[in-house]
Amino acid sequence: MASKDQYIQISSLPEDIRKQVVEFIEFLMKRRNREPEKPEKKRVAGLMKGEIHVPDDFDEPLDDFKEYMK
């Protein structure tokens, strides 16, 4: 908590410096309240190789839509 002496010190600063102090305090508050960044996990290529199969008729029209394809 700010003491009376700290308030007096801040009040005695020039206006432009006081604005910088306020901006710095806001920056510290935002940094304190945000969630910590989680390190990105490194992906390993090829882990699912052979696990995913696309049928040969994948691009063929569905029977349900035949009446709309006329």
Protein backbone atom coordinates (compact mmCIF):
# COMPACT_ATOMS: atom_id res chain seq x y z
CA MET A 1 0.00 0.00 0.00
CA ALA A 2 1.12 3.48 -0.74
CA SER A 3 2.16 5.51 2.24
CA LYS A 4 1.62 9.22 2.71
CA ASP A 5 5.29 9.89 1.87
CA GLN A 6 4.98 8.01 -1.43
CA TYR A 7 1.86 9.97 -2.31
CA ILE A 8 3.69 13.23 -1.60
CA GLN A 9 6.64 12.10 -3.72
CA ILE A 10 4.39 11.23 -6.66
CA SER A 11 2.39 14.44 -6.26
CA SER A 12 5.56 16.51 -6.41
CA LEU A 13 6.56 15.07 -9.79
CA PRO A 14 5.89 17.00 -13.00
CA GLU A 15 2.63 16.12 -14.78
CA ASP A 16 4.26 14.18 -17.62
CA ILE A 17 6.25 12.02 -15.18
CA ARG A 18 3.12 11.35 -13.09
CA LYS A 19 1.35 10.09 -16.23
CA GLN A 20 4.26 7.73 -16.86
CA VAL A 21 4.04 6.46 -13.28
CA VAL A 22 0.31 5.82 -13.67
CA GLU A 23 0.87 4.01 -16.99
CA PHE A 24 3.57 1.87 -15.40
CA ILE A 25 1.28 0.97 -12.51
CA GLU A 26 -1.46 -0.03 -15.00
CA PHE A 27 1.08 -2.13 -16.92
CA LEU A 28 2.13 -3.93 -13.74
CA MET A 29 -1.49 -4.60 -12.76
CA LYS A 30 -2.30 -6.06 -16.20
CA ARG A 31 0.81 -8.23 -16.15
CA ARG A 32 -0.06 -9.47 -12.67
CA ASN A 33 -3.65 -10.37 -13.60
CA ARG A 34 -3.03 -12.22 -16.86
CA GLU A 35 -2.60 -15.96 -16.99
CA PRO A 36 0.95 -17.24 -17.34
CA GLU A 37 1.91 -18.23 -20.85
CA LYS A 38 2.08 -21.94 -21.39
CA PRO A 39 5.03 -23.16 -23.39
CA GLU A 40 4.04 -24.45 -26.82
CA LYS A 41 4.36 -28.21 -27.08
CA LYS A 42 6.54 -29.33 -29.93
CA ARG A 43 4.65 -31.45 -32.45
CA VAL A 44 6.03 -34.66 -33.77
CA ALA A 45 5.18 -35.45 -37.39
CA GLY A 46 3.97 -38.92 -38.34
CA LEU A 47 2.52 -40.09 -35.03
CA MET A 48 -0.84 -40.98 -36.62
CA LYS A 49 0.57 -42.49 -39.82
CA GLY A 50 -1.63 -45.36 -40.97
CA GLU A 51 -4.41 -44.50 -38.47
CA ILE A 52 -6.57 -42.35 -40.78
CA HIS A 53 -8.20 -43.90 -43.84
CA VAL A 54 -10.10 -42.02 -46.55
CA PRO A 55 -12.56 -44.19 -48.49
CA ASP A 56 -12.18 -44.39 -52.28
CA ASP A 57 -15.65 -42.91 -52.82
CA PHE A 58 -15.00 -39.89 -50.60
CA ASP A 59 -15.64 -37.39 -53.41
CA GLU A 60 -18.75 -39.13 -54.76
CA PRO A 61 -22.15 -37.48 -54.18
CA LEU A 62 -24.16 -38.80 -51.26
CA ASP A 63 -27.32 -40.81 -51.97
CA ASP A 64 -29.30 -38.47 -49.74
CA PHE A 65 -28.67 -35.57 -52.15
CA LYS A 66 -29.37 -37.32 -55.46
CA GLU A 67 -32.74 -35.59 -55.92
CA TYR A 68 -31.03 -32.18 -55.65
CA MET A 69 -28.30 -33.09 -58.18
CA LYS A 70 -30.65 -33.49 -61.19
